[in-house]
C-alpha atoms as a PDB file:
ATOM      1  CA  UNK A   1      13.702  -8.806  -4.996  1.00  0.00           C
ATOM      2  CA  UNK A   2      11.762  -6.046  -3.089  1.00  0.00           C
ATOM      3  CA  UNK A   3      10.649  -2.839  -4.396  1.00  0.00           C
ATOM      4  CA  UNK A   4      10.809   0.417  -2.613  1.00  0.00           C
ATOM      5  CA  UNK A   5       6.927   0.515  -2.475  1.00  0.00           C
ATOM      6  CA  UNK A   6       6.857  -3.020  -0.612  1.00  0.00           C
ATOM      7  CA  UNK A   7       9.679  -1.374   1.662  1.00  0.00           C
ATOM      8  CA  UNK A   8       7.516   1.454   2.271  1.00  0.00           C
ATOM      9  CA  UNK A   9       4.260  -0.447   2.910  1.00  0.00           C
ATOM     10  CA  UNK A  10       6.643  -2.895   5.300  1.00  0.00           C
ATOM     11  CA  UNK A  11       7.671   0.067   7.280  1.00  0.00           C
ATOM     12  CA  UNK A  12       4.362   1.764   7.503  1.00  0.00           C
ATOM     13  CA  UNK A  13       2.705  -1.408   8.804  1.00  0.00           C
ATOM     14  CA  UNK A  14       4.668  -1.463  12.111  1.00  0.00           C
ATOM     15  CA  UNK A  15       2.513   0.064  14.831  1.00  0.00           C
ATOM     16  CA  UNK A  16       2.588   4.016  14.804  1.00  0.00           C
ATOM     17  CA  UNK A  17       5.062   4.297  12.325  1.00  0.00           C
ATOM     18  CA  UNK A  18       5.067   7.423  10.148  1.00  0.00           C
ATOM     19  CA  UNK A  19       6.887   8.692   7.051  1.00  0.00           C
ATOM     20  CA  UNK A  20       8.708  12.035   7.031  1.00  0.00           C
ATOM     21  CA  UNK A  21      11.254  13.661   4.687  1.00  0.00           C
ATOM     22  CA  UNK A  22      15.032  13.558   5.860  1.00  0.00           C
ATOM     23  CA  UNK A  23      17.318  15.228   3.731  1.00  0.00           C
ATOM     24  CA  UNK A  24      17.142  13.633   0.275  1.00  0.00           C
ATOM     25  CA  UNK A  25      15.506  10.413   1.482  1.00  0.00           C
ATOM     26  CA  UNK A  26      12.164   9.324   3.106  1.00  0.00           C
ATOM     27  CA  UNK A  27      12.590   8.471   7.020  1.00  0.00           C
ATOM     28  CA  UNK A  28      10.285   6.101   9.115  1.00  0.00           C
ATOM     29  CA  UNK A  29       9.835   6.956  12.298  1.00  0.00           C
ATOM     30  CA  UNK A  30       8.057   5.804  15.620  1.00  0.00           C
ATOM     31  CA  UNK A  31       7.302   8.924  17.797  1.00  0.00           C
ATOM     32  CA  UNK A  32       9.732  11.145  15.928  1.00  0.00           C
ATOM     33  CA  UNK A  33      12.592   8.620  16.253  1.00  0.00           C
ATOM     34  CA  UNK A  34      14.085   7.394  12.905  1.00  0.00           C
ATOM     35  CA  UNK A  35      14.423   3.723  12.554  1.00  0.00           C
ATOM     36  CA  UNK A  36      14.987   3.412   8.693  1.00  0.00           C
ATOM     37  CA  UNK A  37      15.424   5.726   5.853  1.00  0.00           C
ATOM     38  CA  UNK A  38      14.696   4.939   1.993  1.00  0.00           C
ATOM     39  CA  UNK A  39      15.835   6.525  -1.060  1.00  0.00           C
ATOM     40  CA  UNK A  40      19.350   7.970  -0.370  1.00  0.00           C
ATOM     41  CA  UNK A  41      21.006   7.752  -3.837  1.00  0.00           C
ATOM     42  CA  UNK A  42      23.546   4.879  -3.108  1.00  0.00           C
ATOM     43  CA  UNK A  43      21.777   3.347  -0.205  1.00  0.00           C
ATOM     44  CA  UNK A  44      18.258   2.816  -0.814  1.00  0.00           C
ATOM     45  CA  UNK A  45      17.380   1.389   2.427  1.00  0.00           C
ATOM     46  CA  UNK A  46      19.045   2.225   5.722  1.00  0.00           C
ATOM     47  CA  UNK A  47      18.269   0.589   9.070  1.00  0.00           C
ATOM     48  CA  UNK A  48      19.005   1.368  12.750  1.00  0.00           C
ATOM     49  CA  UNK A  49      20.454  -1.866  14.223  1.00  0.00           C
ATOM     50  CA  UNK A  50      22.432  -2.301  17.336  1.00  0.00           C
ATOM     51  CA  UNK A  51      26.241  -2.851  16.693  1.00  0.00           C
ATOM     52  CA  UNK A  52      25.725  -6.842  17.571  1.00  0.00           C
ATOM     53  CA  UNK A  53      22.618  -7.028  15.270  1.00  0.00           C
ATOM     54  CA  UNK A  54      24.753  -5.276  12.504  1.00  0.00           C
ATOM     55  CA  UNK A  55      27.540  -7.572  12.895  1.00  0.00           C
ATOM     56  CA  UNK A  56      25.325 -10.964  12.762  1.00  0.00           C
ATOM     57  CA  UNK A  57      23.379  -9.379   9.594  1.00  0.00           C
ATOM     58  CA  UNK A  58      26.496  -8.377   7.714  1.00  0.00           C
ATOM     59  CA  UNK A  59      28.359 -11.528   8.564  1.00  0.00           C
ATOM     60  CA  UNK A  60      25.638 -14.082   7.514  1.00  0.00           C
ATOM     61  CA  UNK A  61      24.512 -11.983   4.571  1.00  0.00           C
ATOM     62  CA  UNK A  62      27.234  -9.831   3.268  1.00  0.00           C
ATOM     63  CA  UNK A  63      25.715  -9.366  -0.096  1.00  0.00           C
ATOM     64  CA  UNK A  64      22.378  -7.872   1.383  1.00  0.00           C
ATOM     65  CA  UNK A  65      23.613  -5.955   4.573  1.00  0.00           C
ATOM     66  CA  UNK A  66      26.317  -3.531   4.805  1.00  0.00           C
ATOM     67  CA  UNK A  67      27.578  -1.194   7.667  1.00  0.00           C
ATOM     68  CA  UNK A  68      27.496   2.444   6.693  1.00  0.00           C
ATOM     69  CA  UNK A  69      31.167   3.827   6.704  1.00  0.00           C
ATOM     70  CA  UNK A  70      32.166   6.246   9.471  1.00  0.00           C
ATOM     71  CA  UNK A  71      30.505   6.999  12.779  1.00  0.00           C
ATOM     72  CA  UNK A  72      26.977   6.130  11.502  1.00  0.00           C
ATOM     73  CA  UNK A  73      28.010   2.688  10.750  1.00  0.00           C
ATOM     74  CA  UNK A  74      29.942   2.310  14.175  1.00  0.00           C
ATOM     75  CA  UNK A  75      26.301   3.195  15.646  1.00  0.00           C
ATOM     76  CA  UNK A  76      24.681   0.334  13.891  1.00  0.00           C
ATOM     77  CA  UNK A  77      23.133   1.941  10.721  1.00  0.00           C
ATOM     78  CA  UNK A  78      23.092  -0.567   8.165  1.00  0.00           C
ATOM     79  CA  UNK A  79      22.255  -0.511   4.405  1.00  0.00           C
ATOM     80  CA  UNK A  80      20.230  -3.387   3.063  1.00  0.00           C
ATOM     81  CA  UNK A  81      20.350  -3.919  -0.742  1.00  0.00           C
ATOM     82  CA  UNK A  82      16.537  -4.101  -1.543  1.00  0.00           C
ATOM     83  CA  UNK A  83      17.514  -5.524  -4.990  1.00  0.00           C
ATOM     84  CA  UNK A  84      18.668  -8.827  -3.505  1.00  0.00           C
ATOM     85  CA  UNK A  85      16.716  -9.071  -0.285  1.00  0.00           C
ATOM     86  CA  UNK A  86      13.448 -10.969  -0.022  1.00  0.00           C
ATOM     87  CA  UNK A  87      10.245  -9.333   1.779  1.00  0.00           C
ATOM     88  CA  UNK A  88      10.915 -11.495   4.722  1.00  0.00           C
ATOM     89  CA  UNK A  89      14.534 -10.413   5.173  1.00  0.00           C
ATOM     90  CA  UNK A  90      13.453  -6.659   4.932  1.00  0.00           C
ATOM     91  CA  UNK A  91      10.573  -7.012   7.161  1.00  0.00           C
ATOM     92  CA  UNK A  92      12.891  -8.527   9.668  1.00  0.00           C
ATOM     93  CA  UNK A  93      15.503  -5.808   9.353  1.00  0.00           C
ATOM     94  CA  UNK A  94      12.765  -3.468   9.811  1.00  0.00           C
ATOM     95  CA  UNK A  95      11.293  -4.885  12.662  1.00  0.00           C
ATOM     96  CA  UNK A  96      14.604  -5.042  14.417  1.00  0.00           C
ATOM     97  CA  UNK A  97      15.302  -1.476  13.883  1.00  0.00           C
ATOM     98  CA  UNK A  98      11.946  -0.636  14.849  1.00  0.00           C
ATOM     99  CA  UNK A  99      11.952  -2.077  18.268  1.00  0.00           C
ATOM    100  CA  UNK A 100      15.519  -0.650  18.640  1.00  0.00           C
ATOM    101  CA  UNK A 101      14.013   2.917  18.805  1.00  0.00           C
ATOM    102  CA  UNK A 102      10.269   2.432  19.735  1.00  0.00           C
ATOM    103  CA  UNK A 103       9.124   2.855  23.303  1.00  0.00           C
ATOM    104  CA  UNK A 104       9.283  -0.656  25.316  1.00  0.00           C
ATOM    105  CA  UNK A 105       5.724  -1.340  25.361  1.00  0.00           C
ATOM    106  CA  UNK A 106       5.384  -0.731  21.634  1.00  0.00           C
ATOM    107  CA  UNK A 107       8.306  -2.832  21.094  1.00  0.00           C
ATOM    108  CA  UNK A 108       6.976  -5.626  23.501  1.00  0.00           C
ATOM    109  CA  UNK A 109       3.588  -5.504  21.878  1.00  0.00           C
ATOM    110  CA  UNK A 110       5.064  -6.261  18.603  1.00  0.00           C
ATOM    111  CA  UNK A 111       7.405  -8.981  19.761  1.00  0.00           C
ATOM    112  CA  UNK A 112       4.466 -10.786  21.385  1.00  0.00           C
ATOM    113  CA  UNK A 113       4.097 -12.072  25.034  1.00  0.00           C
ATOM    114  CA  UNK A 114       7.279 -13.670  26.730  1.00  0.00           C
ATOM    115  CA  UNK A 115       9.411 -12.650  24.056  1.00  0.00           C
ATOM    116  CA  UNK A 116      12.657 -10.810  24.899  1.00  0.00           C
ATOM    117  CA  UNK A 117      13.736  -7.664  23.315  1.00  0.00           C
ATOM    118  CA  UNK A 118      15.691  -7.936  20.085  1.00  0.00           C
END
């Protein structure tokens, strides 16, 4: 189980990540692009995955990851049940989301030399 404070700390630990309001939630951004939101009423954590990443996560961990209904879900936005996910799983989901929207140089630096983009 991971708390909202821990999720916030994990998101803000990513290079140049910032926090800003987004409707009734908090968004985490890299250079003004949202990679995750926290605190929406029924969806405490939502991350921006690619559709293939979303499919893998929802198939392998259906109790933890769920596609958002409608257009947003088809675009890869995925809810994460922080009440059941451990910190490593949340860190992984946030890192994928961050790399999906971050400039290539930042994403590459985060992944390390010789690693492919997620």
